[in-house]
């Protein structure tokens, strides 16, 4: 029986997925940096006065609501989120590849890795 996906095809597609994720993330961060510098580049920092920054980007809803206002920091944060999600997308892509190959052991191992990464990302964070 012939395989639907060859191993080389799967590796090539995963490599392209990782490259594309990094490039898209870099472009998003670059655009956010330009917007941030355009809006705040002329400000002079006051180092003699300590002001704690409001943590406006500690949850996804706050980031997405700030994106609607085209805040540079929110766009940069979105680029970082895309960068974090890139290897997670690779793991999901690997699971789909193992599913097509009907390799139950690697499907199980991939799901365990995905569960560990998901738990570590969500543990101790405030999503809402």
PDB file of N, CA and C in Angstrom:
ATOM      1  N   UNK A   1       0.836  -1.175   0.000  1.00  0.00           N
ATOM      2  CA  UNK A   1       0.000   0.000   0.000  1.00  0.00           C
ATOM      3  C   UNK A   1       0.891   1.251   0.000  1.00  0.00           C
ATOM      4  N   UNK A   2       0.572   2.192  -0.859  1.00  0.00           N
ATOM      5  CA  UNK A   2       1.363   3.401  -0.999  1.00  0.00           C
ATOM      6  C   UNK A   2       0.942   4.436   0.045  1.00  0.00           C
ATOM      7  N   UNK A   3       1.919   5.128   0.620  1.00  0.00           N
ATOM      8  CA  UNK A   3       1.633   6.185   1.585  1.00  0.00           C
ATOM      9  C   UNK A   3       1.024   7.388   0.880  1.00  0.00           C
ATOM     10  N   UNK A   4       0.093   8.033   1.569  1.00  0.00           N
ATOM     11  CA  UNK A   4      -0.505   9.251   1.022  1.00  0.00           C
ATOM     12  C   UNK A   4       0.522  10.377   1.032  1.00  0.00           C
ATOM     13  N   UNK A   5       1.196  10.530   2.146  1.00  0.00           N
ATOM     14  CA  UNK A   5       2.228  11.549   2.298  1.00  0.00           C
ATOM     15  C   UNK A   5       3.576  10.874   2.481  1.00  0.00           C
ATOM     16  N   UNK A   6       4.549  11.327   1.746  1.00  0.00           N
ATOM     17  CA  UNK A   6       5.899  10.834   1.941  1.00  0.00           C
ATOM     18  C   UNK A   6       6.541  11.620   3.082  1.00  0.00           C
ATOM     19  N   UNK A   7       7.502  11.006   3.763  1.00  0.00           N
ATOM     20  CA  UNK A   7       8.172  11.679   4.875  1.00  0.00           C
ATOM     21  C   UNK A   7       8.867  12.964   4.428  1.00  0.00           C
ATOM     22  N   UNK A   8       9.480  12.929   3.248  1.00  0.00           N
ATOM     23  CA  UNK A   8      10.161  14.126   2.747  1.00  0.00           C
ATOM     24  C   UNK A   8       9.172  15.255   2.491  1.00  0.00           C
ATOM     25  N   UNK A   9       7.993  14.917   1.962  1.00  0.00           N
ATOM     26  CA  UNK A   9       6.968  15.935   1.710  1.00  0.00           C
ATOM     27  C   UNK A   9       6.503  16.570   3.017  1.00  0.00           C
ATOM     28  N   UNK A  10       6.338  15.738   4.028  1.00  0.00           N
ATOM     29  CA  UNK A  10       5.888  16.229   5.330  1.00  0.00           C
ATOM     30  C   UNK A  10       6.947  17.140   5.961  1.00  0.00           C
ATOM     31  N   UNK A  11       8.205  16.738   5.895  1.00  0.00           N
ATOM     32  CA  UNK A  11       9.287  17.564   6.444  1.00  0.00           C
ATOM     33  C   UNK A  11       9.408  18.883   5.694  1.00  0.00           C
ATOM     34  N   UNK A  12       9.259  18.849   4.381  1.00  0.00           N
ATOM     35  CA  UNK A  12       9.335  20.056   3.578  1.00  0.00           C
ATOM     36  C   UNK A  12       8.193  21.014   3.934  1.00  0.00           C
ATOM     37  N   UNK A  13       6.997  20.476   4.075  1.00  0.00           N
ATOM     38  CA  UNK A  13       5.844  21.311   4.425  1.00  0.00           C
ATOM     39  C   UNK A  13       5.994  21.900   5.831  1.00  0.00           C
ATOM     40  N   UNK A  14       6.505  21.112   6.773  1.00  0.00           N
ATOM     41  CA  UNK A  14       6.702  21.621   8.134  1.00  0.00           C
ATOM     42  C   UNK A  14       7.780  22.700   8.171  1.00  0.00           C
ATOM     43  N   UNK A  15       8.826  22.513   7.402  1.00  0.00           N
ATOM     44  CA  UNK A  15       9.864  23.542   7.324  1.00  0.00           C
ATOM     45  C   UNK A  15       9.316  24.844   6.764  1.00  0.00           C
ATOM     46  N   UNK A  16       8.482  24.738   5.732  1.00  0.00           N
ATOM     47  CA  UNK A  16       7.856  25.934   5.170  1.00  0.00           C
ATOM     48  C   UNK A  16       6.904  26.583   6.164  1.00  0.00           C
ATOM     49  N   UNK A  17       6.199  25.767   6.939  1.00  0.00           N
ATOM     50  CA  UNK A  17       5.289  26.298   7.953  1.00  0.00           C
ATOM     51  C   UNK A  17       6.068  27.107   8.995  1.00  0.00           C
ATOM     52  N   UNK A  18       7.186  26.582   9.461  1.00  0.00           N
ATOM     53  CA  UNK A  18       7.993  27.296  10.451  1.00  0.00           C
ATOM     54  C   UNK A  18       8.580  28.583   9.875  1.00  0.00           C
ATOM     55  N   UNK A  19       9.080  28.512   8.640  1.00  0.00           N
ATOM     56  CA  UNK A  19       9.625  29.705   8.007  1.00  0.00           C
ATOM     57  C   UNK A  19       8.560  30.780   7.830  1.00  0.00           C
ATOM     58  N   UNK A  20       7.399  30.359   7.360  1.00  0.00           N
ATOM     59  CA  UNK A  20       6.310  31.299   7.132  1.00  0.00           C
ATOM     60  C   UNK A  20       5.858  31.943   8.447  1.00  0.00           C
ATOM     61  N   UNK A  21       5.781  31.160   9.513  1.00  0.00           N
ATOM     62  CA  UNK A  21       5.394  31.699  10.810  1.00  0.00           C
ATOM     63  C   UNK A  21       6.373  32.745  11.314  1.00  0.00           C
ATOM     64  N   UNK A  22       7.663  32.486  11.146  1.00  0.00           N
ATOM     65  CA  UNK A  22       8.679  33.438  11.599  1.00  0.00           C
ATOM     66  C   UNK A  22       8.641  34.702  10.744  1.00  0.00           C
ATOM     67  N   UNK A  23       8.476  34.553   9.445  1.00  0.00           N
ATOM     68  CA  UNK A  23       8.434  35.727   8.561  1.00  0.00           C
ATOM     69  C   UNK A  23       7.200  36.578   8.858  1.00  0.00           C
ATOM     70  N   UNK A  24       6.042  35.947   9.004  1.00  0.00           N
ATOM     71  CA  UNK A  24       4.823  36.695   9.307  1.00  0.00           C
ATOM     72  C   UNK A  24       4.951  37.393  10.658  1.00  0.00           C
ATOM     73  N   UNK A  25       5.481  36.697  11.642  1.00  0.00           N
ATOM     74  CA  UNK A  25       5.685  37.288  12.956  1.00  0.00           C
ATOM     75  C   UNK A  25       6.620  38.488  12.873  1.00  0.00           C
ATOM     76  N   UNK A  26       7.697  38.362  12.145  1.00  0.00           N
ATOM     77  CA  UNK A  26       8.656  39.464  12.006  1.00  0.00           C
ATOM     78  C   UNK A  26       8.020  40.676  11.335  1.00  0.00           C
ATOM     79  N   UNK A  27       7.221  40.439  10.325  1.00  0.00           N
ATOM     80  CA  UNK A  27       6.557  41.539   9.628  1.00  0.00           C
ATOM     81  C   UNK A  27       5.583  42.254  10.563  1.00  0.00           C
ATOM     82  N   UNK A  28       4.820  41.478  11.337  1.00  0.00           N
ATOM     83  CA  UNK A  28       3.863  42.072  12.270  1.00  0.00           C
ATOM     84  C   UNK A  28       4.588  42.904  13.324  1.00  0.00           C
ATOM     85  N   UNK A  29       5.677  42.363  13.890  1.00  0.00           N
ATOM     86  CA  UNK A  29       6.436  43.102  14.904  1.00  0.00           C
ATOM     87  C   UNK A  29       7.049  44.364  14.299  1.00  0.00           C
ATOM     88  N   UNK A  30       7.549  44.270  13.089  1.00  0.00           N
ATOM     89  CA  UNK A  30       8.145  45.427  12.426  1.00  0.00           C
ATOM     90  C   UNK A  30       7.109  46.535  12.212  1.00  0.00           C
ATOM     91  N   UNK A  31       5.930  46.158  11.736  1.00  0.00           N
ATOM     92  CA  UNK A  31       4.855  47.142  11.536  1.00  0.00           C
ATOM     93  C   UNK A  31       4.457  47.764  12.872  1.00  0.00           C
ATOM     94  N   UNK A  32       4.323  46.939  13.906  1.00  0.00           N
ATOM     95  CA  UNK A  32       3.991  47.459  15.232  1.00  0.00           C
ATOM     96  C   UNK A  32       5.053  48.401  15.751  1.00  0.00           C
ATOM     97  N   UNK A  33       6.327  48.075  15.510  1.00  0.00           N
ATOM     98  CA  UNK A  33       7.416  48.942  15.937  1.00  0.00           C
ATOM     99  C   UNK A  33       7.394  50.290  15.228  1.00  0.00           C
ATOM    100  N   UNK A  34       7.103  50.274  13.940  1.00  0.00           N
ATOM    101  CA  UNK A  34       7.008  51.526  13.188  1.00  0.00           C
ATOM    102  C   UNK A  34       5.863  52.387  13.718  1.00  0.00           C
ATOM    103  N   UNK A  35       4.704  51.769  13.958  1.00  0.00           N
ATOM    104  CA  UNK A  35       3.561  52.517  14.482  1.00  0.00           C
ATOM    105  C   UNK A  35       3.877  53.071  15.867  1.00  0.00           C
ATOM    106  N   UNK A  36       4.501  52.250  16.714  1.00  0.00           N
ATOM    107  CA  UNK A  36       4.845  52.704  18.055  1.00  0.00           C
ATOM    108  C   UNK A  36       5.817  53.883  18.005  1.00  0.00           C
ATOM    109  N   UNK A  37       6.851  53.779  17.189  1.00  0.00           N
ATOM    110  CA  UNK A  37       7.826  54.874  17.093  1.00  0.00           C
ATOM    111  C   UNK A  37       7.215  56.125  16.470  1.00  0.00           C
ATOM    112  N   UNK A  38       6.293  55.954  15.538  1.00  0.00           N
ATOM    113  CA  UNK A  38       5.626  57.107  14.928  1.00  0.00           C
ATOM    114  C   UNK A  38       4.814  57.867  15.977  1.00  0.00           C
ATOM    115  N   UNK A  39       4.124  57.125  16.842  1.00  0.00           N
ATOM    116  CA  UNK A  39       3.266  57.767  17.842  1.00  0.00           C
ATOM    117  C   UNK A  39       4.042  58.233  19.074  1.00  0.00           C
ATOM    118  N   UNK A  40       5.093  57.513  19.459  1.00  0.00           N
ATOM    119  CA  UNK A  40       5.775  57.794  20.731  1.00  0.00           C
ATOM    120  C   UNK A  40       7.265  58.088  20.584  1.00  0.00           C
ATOM    121  N   UNK A  41       7.756  58.173  19.371  1.00  0.00           N
ATOM    122  CA  UNK A  41       9.199  58.346  19.170  1.00  0.00           C
ATOM    123  C   UNK A  41       9.756  59.668  19.667  1.00  0.00           C
ATOM    124  N   UNK A  42       8.926  60.693  19.721  1.00  0.00           N
ATOM    125  CA  UNK A  42       9.401  61.994  20.154  1.00  0.00           C
ATOM    126  C   UNK A  42       9.310  62.230  21.649  1.00  0.00           C
ATOM    127  N   UNK A  43       8.771  61.279  22.375  1.00  0.00           N
ATOM    128  CA  UNK A  43       8.629  61.458  23.821  1.00  0.00           C
ATOM    129  C   UNK A  43       9.976  61.313  24.517  1.00  0.00           C
ATOM    130  N   UNK A  44      10.183  62.149  25.501  1.00  0.00           N
ATOM    131  CA  UNK A  44      11.419  62.086  26.287  1.00  0.00           C
ATOM    132  C   UNK A  44      11.106  61.297  27.566  1.00  0.00           C
ATOM    133  N   UNK A  45      11.847  60.226  27.821  1.00  0.00           N
ATOM    134  CA  UNK A  45      11.575  59.455  29.029  1.00  0.00           C
ATOM    135  C   UNK A  45      11.981  60.220  30.283  1.00  0.00           C
ATOM    136  N   UNK A  46      11.189  60.057  31.330  1.00  0.00           N
ATOM    137  CA  UNK A  46      11.485  60.690  32.614  1.00  0.00           C
ATOM    138  C   UNK A  46      12.034  59.626  33.558  1.00  0.00           C
ATOM    139  N   UNK A  47      13.346  59.501  33.571  1.00  0.00           N
ATOM    140  CA  UNK A  47      13.961  58.453  34.377  1.00  0.00           C
ATOM    141  C   UNK A  47      14.029  58.807  35.860  1.00  0.00           C
ATOM    142  N   UNK A  48      13.892  60.064  36.191  1.00  0.00           N
ATOM    143  CA  UNK A  48      13.985  60.459  37.592  1.00  0.00           C
ATOM    144  C   UNK A  48      12.684  60.203  38.360  1.00  0.00           C
ATOM    145  N   UNK A  49      11.603  59.901  37.641  1.00  0.00           N
ATOM    146  CA  UNK A  49      10.320  59.595  38.281  1.00  0.00           C
ATOM    147  C   UNK A  49       9.964  58.153  37.921  1.00  0.00           C
ATOM    148  N   UNK A  50       9.746  57.340  38.953  1.00  0.00           N
ATOM    149  CA  UNK A  50       9.360  55.950  38.694  1.00  0.00           C
ATOM    150  C   UNK A  50       7.846  55.849  38.605  1.00  0.00           C
ATOM    151  N   UNK A  51       7.381  55.374  37.480  1.00  0.00           N
ATOM    152  CA  UNK A  51       5.958  55.107  37.298  1.00  0.00           C
ATOM    153  C   UNK A  51       5.830  53.660  36.832  1.00  0.00           C
ATOM    154  N   UNK A  52       5.083  52.877  37.567  1.00  0.00           N
ATOM    155  CA  UNK A  52       4.833  51.519  37.119  1.00  0.00           C
ATOM    156  C   UNK A  52       3.905  51.549  35.921  1.00  0.00           C
ATOM    157  N   UNK A  53       4.257  50.773  34.904  1.00  0.00           N
ATOM    158  CA  UNK A  53       3.418  50.735  33.713  1.00  0.00           C
ATOM    159  C   UNK A  53       2.168  49.916  33.956  1.00  0.00           C
ATOM    160  N   UNK A  54       1.077  50.414  33.401  1.00  0.00           N
ATOM    161  CA  UNK A  54      -0.160  49.642  33.448  1.00  0.00           C
ATOM    162  C   UNK A  54       0.012  48.436  32.530  1.00  0.00           C
ATOM    163  N   UNK A  55      -0.339  47.291  33.037  1.00  0.00           N
ATOM    164  CA  UNK A  55      -0.188  46.072  32.251  1.00  0.00           C
ATOM    165  C   UNK A  55      -1.418  45.903  31.362  1.00  0.00           C
ATOM    166  N   UNK A  56      -1.378  46.548  30.202  1.00  0.00           N
ATOM    167  CA  UNK A  56      -2.545  46.510  29.340  1.00  0.00           C
ATOM    168  C   UNK A  56      -2.533  45.346  28.361  1.00  0.00           C
ATOM    169  N   UNK A  57      -1.467  44.585  28.355  1.00  0.00           N
ATOM    170  CA  UNK A  57      -1.371  43.492  27.403  1.00  0.00           C
ATOM    171  C   UNK A  57      -1.147  42.153  28.099  1.00  0.00           C
ATOM    172  N   UNK A  58      -1.807  41.930  29.229  1.00  0.00           N
ATOM    173  CA  UNK A  58      -1.602  40.679  29.947  1.00  0.00           C
ATOM    174  C   UNK A  58      -2.700  39.662  29.681  1.00  0.00           C
ATOM    175  N   UNK A  59      -3.613  39.961  28.772  1.00  0.00           N
ATOM    176  CA  UNK A  59      -4.624  38.982  28.391  1.00  0.00           C
ATOM    177  C   UNK A  59      -4.982  39.180  26.922  1.00  0.00           C
ATOM    178  N   UNK A  60      -5.442  38.115  26.308  1.00  0.00           N
ATOM    179  CA  UNK A  60      -5.767  38.184  24.879  1.00  0.00           C
ATOM    180  C   UNK A  60      -6.874  39.185  24.567  1.00  0.00           C
ATOM    181  N   UNK A  61      -7.963  39.257  25.363  1.00  0.00           N
ATOM    182  CA  UNK A  61      -8.983  40.261  25.036  1.00  0.00           C
ATOM    183  C   UNK A  61      -8.454  41.694  25.069  1.00  0.00           C
ATOM    184  N   UNK A  62      -7.553  41.996  26.011  1.00  0.00           N
ATOM    185  CA  UNK A  62      -6.982  43.344  26.063  1.00  0.00           C
ATOM    186  C   UNK A  62      -6.111  43.612  24.838  1.00  0.00           C
ATOM    187  N   UNK A  63      -5.375  42.604  24.409  1.00  0.00           N
ATOM    188  CA  UNK A  63      -4.529  42.769  23.223  1.00  0.00           C
ATOM    189  C   UNK A  63      -5.396  43.023  22.001  1.00  0.00           C
ATOM    190  N   UNK A  64      -6.449  42.226  21.821  1.00  0.00           N
ATOM    191  CA  UNK A  64      -7.301  42.376  20.638  1.00  0.00           C
ATOM    192  C   UNK A  64      -8.103  43.671  20.663  1.00  0.00           C
ATOM    193  N   UNK A  65      -8.514  44.131  21.850  1.00  0.00           N
ATOM    194  CA  UNK A  65      -9.217  45.418  21.895  1.00  0.00           C
ATOM    195  C   UNK A  65      -8.259  46.566  21.588  1.00  0.00           C
ATOM    196  N   UNK A  66      -6.990  46.434  21.976  1.00  0.00           N
ATOM    197  CA  UNK A  66      -6.001  47.463  21.653  1.00  0.00           C
ATOM    198  C   UNK A  66      -5.605  47.420  20.183  1.00  0.00           C
ATOM    199  N   UNK A  67      -5.734  46.253  19.558  1.00  0.00           N
ATOM    200  CA  UNK A  67      -5.447  46.160  18.121  1.00  0.00           C
ATOM    201  C   UNK A  67      -6.437  46.987  17.315  1.00  0.00           C
ATOM    202  N   UNK A  68      -7.680  47.036  17.778  1.00  0.00           N
ATOM    203  CA  UNK A  68      -8.700  47.823  17.072  1.00  0.00           C
ATOM    204  C   UNK A  68      -8.340  49.300  17.066  1.00  0.00           C
ATOM    205  N   UNK A  69      -7.592  49.744  18.074  1.00  0.00           N
ATOM    206  CA  UNK A  69      -7.176  51.148  18.184  1.00  0.00           C
ATOM    207  C   UNK A  69      -5.821  51.380  17.513  1.00  0.00           C
ATOM    208  N   UNK A  70      -5.280  50.347  16.877  1.00  0.00           N
ATOM    209  CA  UNK A  70      -3.976  50.388  16.208  1.00  0.00           C
ATOM    210  C   UNK A  70      -2.855  50.860  17.125  1.00  0.00           C
ATOM    211  N   UNK A  71      -2.811  50.297  18.328  1.00  0.00           N
ATOM    212  CA  UNK A  71      -1.712  50.600  19.249  1.00  0.00           C
ATOM    213  C   UNK A  71      -0.499  49.768  18.844  1.00  0.00           C
ATOM    214  N   UNK A  72       0.637  50.431  18.729  1.00  0.00           N
ATOM    215  CA  UNK A  72       1.857  49.759  18.292  1.00  0.00           C
ATOM    216  C   UNK A  72       2.273  48.626  19.206  1.00  0.00           C
ATOM    217  N   UNK A  73       2.134  48.832  20.519  1.00  0.00           N
ATOM    218  CA  UNK A  73       2.521  47.783  21.469  1.00  0.00           C
ATOM    219  C   UNK A  73       1.648  46.541  21.303  1.00  0.00           C
ATOM    220  N   UNK A  74       0.371  46.731  21.015  1.00  0.00           N
ATOM    221  CA  UNK A  74      -0.525  45.582  20.820  1.00  0.00           C
ATOM    222  C   UNK A  74      -0.164  44.824  19.552  1.00  0.00           C
ATOM    223  N   UNK A  75       0.233  45.543  18.521  1.00  0.00           N
ATOM    224  CA  UNK A  75       0.630  44.883  17.269  1.00  0.00           C
ATOM    225  C   UNK A  75       1.919  44.097  17.488  1.00  0.00           C
ATOM    226  N   UNK A  76       2.847  44.666  18.234  1.00  0.00           N
ATOM    227  CA  UNK A  76       4.083  43.938  18.561  1.00  0.00           C
ATOM    228  C   UNK A  76       3.755  42.678  19.359  1.00  0.00           C
ATOM    229  N   UNK A  77       2.842  42.810  20.318  1.00  0.00           N
ATOM    230  CA  UNK A  77       2.441  41.655  21.126  1.00  0.00           C
ATOM    231  C   UNK A  77       1.785  40.579  20.254  1.00  0.00           C
ATOM    232  N   UNK A  78       0.992  40.994  19.264  1.00  0.00           N
ATOM    233  CA  UNK A  78       0.386  40.037  18.335  1.00  0.00           C
ATOM    234  C   UNK A  78       1.465  39.272  17.564  1.00  0.00           C
ATOM    235  N   UNK A  79       2.508  39.989  17.141  1.00  0.00           N
ATOM    236  CA  UNK A  79       3.612  39.323  16.446  1.00  0.00           C
ATOM    237  C   UNK A  79       4.300  38.286  17.323  1.00  0.00           C
ATOM    238  N   UNK A  80       4.437  38.598  18.606  1.00  0.00           N
ATOM    239  CA  UNK A  80       5.038  37.640  19.538  1.00  0.00           C
ATOM    240  C   UNK A  80       4.127  36.429  19.722  1.00  0.00           C
ATOM    241  N   UNK A  81       2.827  36.670  19.786  1.00  0.00           N
ATOM    242  CA  UNK A  81       1.879  35.555  19.904  1.00  0.00           C
ATOM    243  C   UNK A  81       1.956  34.658  18.670  1.00  0.00           C
ATOM    244  N   UNK A  82       2.048  35.262  17.491  1.00  0.00           N
ATOM    245  CA  UNK A  82       2.187  34.469  16.257  1.00  0.00           C
ATOM    246  C   UNK A  82       3.474  33.652  16.307  1.00  0.00           C
ATOM    247  N   UNK A  83       4.543  34.247  16.811  1.00  0.00           N
ATOM    248  CA  UNK A  83       5.805  33.520  16.926  1.00  0.00           C
ATOM    249  C   UNK A  83       5.684  32.349  17.894  1.00  0.00           C
ATOM    250  N   UNK A  84       4.965  32.532  19.004  1.00  0.00           N
ATOM    251  CA  UNK A  84       4.766  31.449  19.967  1.00  0.00           C
ATOM    252  C   UNK A  84       3.894  30.347  19.367  1.00  0.00           C
ATOM    253  N   UNK A  85       2.903  30.734  18.573  1.00  0.00           N
ATOM    254  CA  UNK A  85       1.982  29.750  18.003  1.00  0.00           C
ATOM    255  C   UNK A  85       2.584  28.967  16.832  1.00  0.00           C
ATOM    256  N   UNK A  86       3.676  29.457  16.265  1.00  0.00           N
ATOM    257  CA  UNK A  86       4.283  28.775  15.117  1.00  0.00           C
ATOM    258  C   UNK A  86       4.735  27.348  15.434  1.00  0.00           C
ATOM    259  N   UNK A  87       5.515  27.094  16.500  1.00  0.00           N
ATOM    260  CA  UNK A  87       5.877  25.702  16.779  1.00  0.00           C
ATOM    261  C   UNK A  87       4.683  24.861  17.230  1.00  0.00           C
ATOM    262  N   UNK A  88       3.686  25.508  17.827  1.00  0.00           N
ATOM    263  CA  UNK A  88       2.476  24.764  18.198  1.00  0.00           C
ATOM    264  C   UNK A  88       1.751  24.304  16.944  1.00  0.00           C
ATOM    265  N   UNK A  89       1.717  25.167  15.925  1.00  0.00           N
ATOM    266  CA  UNK A  89       1.115  24.778  14.649  1.00  0.00           C
ATOM    267  C   UNK A  89       1.890  23.615  14.019  1.00  0.00           C
ATOM    268  N   UNK A  90       3.198  23.598  14.210  1.00  0.00           N
ATOM    269  CA  UNK A  90       4.007  22.491  13.694  1.00  0.00           C
ATOM    270  C   UNK A  90       3.643  21.175  14.386  1.00  0.00           C
ATOM    271  N   UNK A  91       3.412  21.237  15.679  1.00  0.00           N
ATOM    272  CA  UNK A  91       3.029  20.027  16.409  1.00  0.00           C
ATOM    273  C   UNK A  91       1.671  19.524  15.917  1.00  0.00           C
ATOM    274  N   UNK A  92       0.737  20.433  15.723  1.00  0.00           N
ATOM    275  CA  UNK A  92      -0.581  20.047  15.205  1.00  0.00           C
ATOM    276  C   UNK A  92      -0.446  19.470  13.800  1.00  0.00           C
ATOM    277  N   UNK A  93       0.399  20.094  12.989  1.00  0.00           N
ATOM    278  CA  UNK A  93       0.652  19.615  11.640  1.00  0.00           C
ATOM    279  C   UNK A  93       1.273  18.222  11.672  1.00  0.00           C
ATOM    280  N   UNK A  94       2.183  17.983  12.615  1.00  0.00           N
ATOM    281  CA  UNK A  94       2.797  16.656  12.775  1.00  0.00           C
ATOM    282  C   UNK A  94       1.743  15.627  13.138  1.00  0.00           C
ATOM    283  N   UNK A  95       0.836  16.000  14.038  1.00  0.00           N
ATOM    284  CA  UNK A  95      -0.231  15.071  14.426  1.00  0.00           C
ATOM    285  C   UNK A  95      -1.068  14.682  13.210  1.00  0.00           C
ATOM    286  N   UNK A  96      -1.397  15.660  12.372  1.00  0.00           N
ATOM    287  CA  UNK A  96      -2.192  15.363  11.173  1.00  0.00           C
ATOM    288  C   UNK A  96      -1.411  14.446  10.241  1.00  0.00           C
ATOM    289  N   UNK A  97      -0.111  14.683  10.113  1.00  0.00           N
ATOM    290  CA  UNK A  97       0.718  13.805   9.283  1.00  0.00           C
ATOM    291  C   UNK A  97       0.751  12.383   9.814  1.00  0.00           C
ATOM    292  N   UNK A  98       0.898  12.233  11.137  1.00  0.00           N
ATOM    293  CA  UNK A  98       0.888  10.896  11.728  1.00  0.00           C
ATOM    294  C   UNK A  98      -0.495  10.253  11.623  1.00  0.00           C
ATOM    295  N   UNK A  99      -1.527  11.072  11.623  1.00  0.00           N
ATOM    296  CA  UNK A  99      -2.884  10.557  11.454  1.00  0.00           C
ATOM    297  C   UNK A  99      -3.051   9.956  10.062  1.00  0.00           C
ATOM    298  N   UNK A 100      -2.531  10.643   9.038  1.00  0.00           N
ATOM    299  CA  UNK A 100      -2.590  10.109   7.677  1.00  0.00           C
ATOM    300  C   UNK A 100      -1.768   8.835   7.538  1.00  0.00           C
ATOM    301  N   UNK A 101      -0.649   8.781   8.259  1.00  0.00           N
ATOM    302  CA  UNK A 101       0.196   7.585   8.209  1.00  0.00           C
ATOM    303  C   UNK A 101      -0.337   6.452   9.082  1.00  0.00           C
ATOM    304  N   UNK A 102      -1.338   6.770   9.921  1.00  0.00           N
ATOM    305  CA  UNK A 102      -1.936   5.808  10.859  1.00  0.00           C
ATOM    306  C   UNK A 102      -0.897   5.271  11.844  1.00  0.00           C
ATOM    307  N   UNK A 103      -0.024   6.154  12.311  1.00  0.00           N
ATOM    308  CA  UNK A 103       1.015   5.803  13.268  1.00  0.00           C
ATOM    309  C   UNK A 103       0.522   6.183  14.665  1.00  0.00           C
ATOM    310  N   UNK A 104      -0.081   5.232  15.348  1.00  0.00           N
ATOM    311  CA  UNK A 104      -0.737   5.512  16.625  1.00  0.00           C
ATOM    312  C   UNK A 104       0.234   5.935  17.724  1.00  0.00           C
ATOM    313  N   UNK A 105       1.410   5.335  17.767  1.00  0.00           N
ATOM    314  CA  UNK A 105       2.382   5.677  18.800  1.00  0.00           C
ATOM    315  C   UNK A 105       2.801   7.139  18.695  1.00  0.00           C
ATOM    316  N   UNK A 106       3.157   7.576  17.484  1.00  0.00           N
ATOM    317  CA  UNK A 106       3.584   8.960  17.320  1.00  0.00           C
ATOM    318  C   UNK A 106       2.414   9.935  17.457  1.00  0.00           C
ATOM    319  N   UNK A 107       1.218   9.501  17.105  1.00  0.00           N
ATOM    320  CA  UNK A 107       0.039  10.349  17.341  1.00  0.00           C
ATOM    321  C   UNK A 107      -0.132  10.591  18.835  1.00  0.00           C
ATOM    322  N   UNK A 108       0.012   9.533  19.628  1.00  0.00           N
ATOM    323  CA  UNK A 108      -0.125   9.653  21.075  1.00  0.00           C
ATOM    324  C   UNK A 108       0.975  10.545  21.661  1.00  0.00           C
ATOM    325  N   UNK A 109       2.215  10.331  21.230  1.00  0.00           N
ATOM    326  CA  UNK A 109       3.316  11.155  21.722  1.00  0.00           C
ATOM    327  C   UNK A 109       3.142  12.622  21.341  1.00  0.00           C
ATOM    328  N   UNK A 110       2.663  12.866  20.137  1.00  0.00           N
ATOM    329  CA  UNK A 110       2.430  14.237  19.695  1.00  0.00           C
ATOM    330  C   UNK A 110       1.335  14.890  20.519  1.00  0.00           C
ATOM    331  N   UNK A 111       0.274  14.156  20.824  1.00  0.00           N
ATOM    332  CA  UNK A 111      -0.790  14.700  21.670  1.00  0.00           C
ATOM    333  C   UNK A 111      -0.297  14.992  23.080  1.00  0.00           C
ATOM    334  N   UNK A 112       0.593  14.148  23.604  1.00  0.00           N
ATOM    335  CA  UNK A 112       1.162  14.389  24.939  1.00  0.00           C
ATOM    336  C   UNK A 112       1.999  15.670  24.923  1.00  0.00           C
ATOM    337  N   UNK A 113       2.827  15.838  23.895  1.00  0.00           N
ATOM    338  CA  UNK A 113       3.648  17.057  23.783  1.00  0.00           C
ATOM    339  C   UNK A 113       2.751  18.287  23.650  1.00  0.00           C
ATOM    340  N   UNK A 114       1.704  18.175  22.842  1.00  0.00           N
ATOM    341  CA  UNK A 114       0.776  19.290  22.675  1.00  0.00           C
ATOM    342  C   UNK A 114       0.070  19.626  23.985  1.00  0.00           C
ATOM    343  N   UNK A 115      -0.303  18.613  24.739  1.00  0.00           N
ATOM    344  CA  UNK A 115      -0.952  18.844  26.035  1.00  0.00           C
ATOM    345  C   UNK A 115      -0.002  19.516  27.018  1.00  0.00           C
ATOM    346  N   UNK A 116       1.253  19.088  27.046  1.00  0.00           N
ATOM    347  CA  UNK A 116       2.240  19.694  27.947  1.00  0.00           C
ATOM    348  C   UNK A 116       2.469  21.159  27.583  1.00  0.00           C
ATOM    349  N   UNK A 117       2.616  21.441  26.305  1.00  0.00           N
ATOM    350  CA  UNK A 117       2.847  22.825  25.884  1.00  0.00           C
ATOM    351  C   UNK A 117       1.625  23.685  26.165  1.00  0.00           C
ATOM    352  N   UNK A 118       0.449  23.169  25.882  1.00  0.00           N
ATOM    353  CA  UNK A 118      -0.784  23.920  26.142  1.00  0.00           C
ATOM    354  C   UNK A 118      -0.936  24.188  27.633  1.00  0.00           C
ATOM    355  N   UNK A 119      -0.693  23.187  28.454  1.00  0.00           N
ATOM    356  CA  UNK A 119      -0.795  23.373  29.899  1.00  0.00           C
ATOM    357  C   UNK A 119       0.216  24.405  30.389  1.00  0.00           C
ATOM    358  N   UNK A 120       1.444  24.314  29.896  1.00  0.00           N
ATOM    359  CA  UNK A 120       2.468  25.254  30.370  1.00  0.00           C
ATOM    360  C   UNK A 120       2.181  26.680  29.921  1.00  0.00           C
ATOM    361  N   UNK A 121       1.554  26.845  28.759  1.00  0.00           N
ATOM    362  CA  UNK A 121       1.192  28.186  28.312  1.00  0.00           C
ATOM    363  C   UNK A 121       0.034  28.761  29.119  1.00  0.00           C
ATOM    364  N   UNK A 122      -0.910  27.907  29.468  1.00  0.00           N
ATOM    365  CA  UNK A 122      -2.112  28.396  30.133  1.00  0.00           C
ATOM    366  C   UNK A 122      -2.012  28.409  31.658  1.00  0.00           C
ATOM    367  N   UNK A 123      -1.075  27.649  32.216  1.00  0.00           N
ATOM    368  CA  UNK A 123      -0.950  27.584  33.676  1.00  0.00           C
ATOM    369  C   UNK A 123      -0.434  28.917  34.217  1.00  0.00           C
ATOM    370  N   UNK A 124      -1.161  29.460  35.135  1.00  0.00           N
ATOM    371  CA  UNK A 124      -0.724  30.688  35.770  1.00  0.00           C
ATOM    372  C   UNK A 124      -0.963  31.945  34.984  1.00  0.00           C
ATOM    373  N   UNK A 125      -1.626  31.827  33.839  1.00  0.00           N
ATOM    374  CA  UNK A 125      -1.918  33.036  33.056  1.00  0.00           C
ATOM    375  C   UNK A 125      -3.386  33.384  33.192  1.00  0.00           C
ATOM    376  N   UNK A 126      -3.643  34.619  32.928  1.00  0.00           N
ATOM    377  CA  UNK A 126      -5.020  35.090  32.967  1.00  0.00           C
ATOM    378  C   UNK A 126      -5.473  35.260  31.529  1.00  0.00           C
ATOM    379  N   UNK A 127      -6.320  34.358  31.055  1.00  0.00           N
ATOM    380  CA  UNK A 127      -6.770  34.400  29.664  1.00  0.00           C
ATOM    381  C   UNK A 127      -7.850  35.457  29.485  1.00  0.00           C
ATOM    382  N   UNK A 128      -8.741  35.573  30.412  1.00  0.00           N
ATOM    383  CA  UNK A 128      -9.846  36.515  30.263  1.00  0.00           C
ATOM    384  C   UNK A 128      -9.585  37.770  31.064  1.00  0.00           C
TER     385      UNK A 128
END
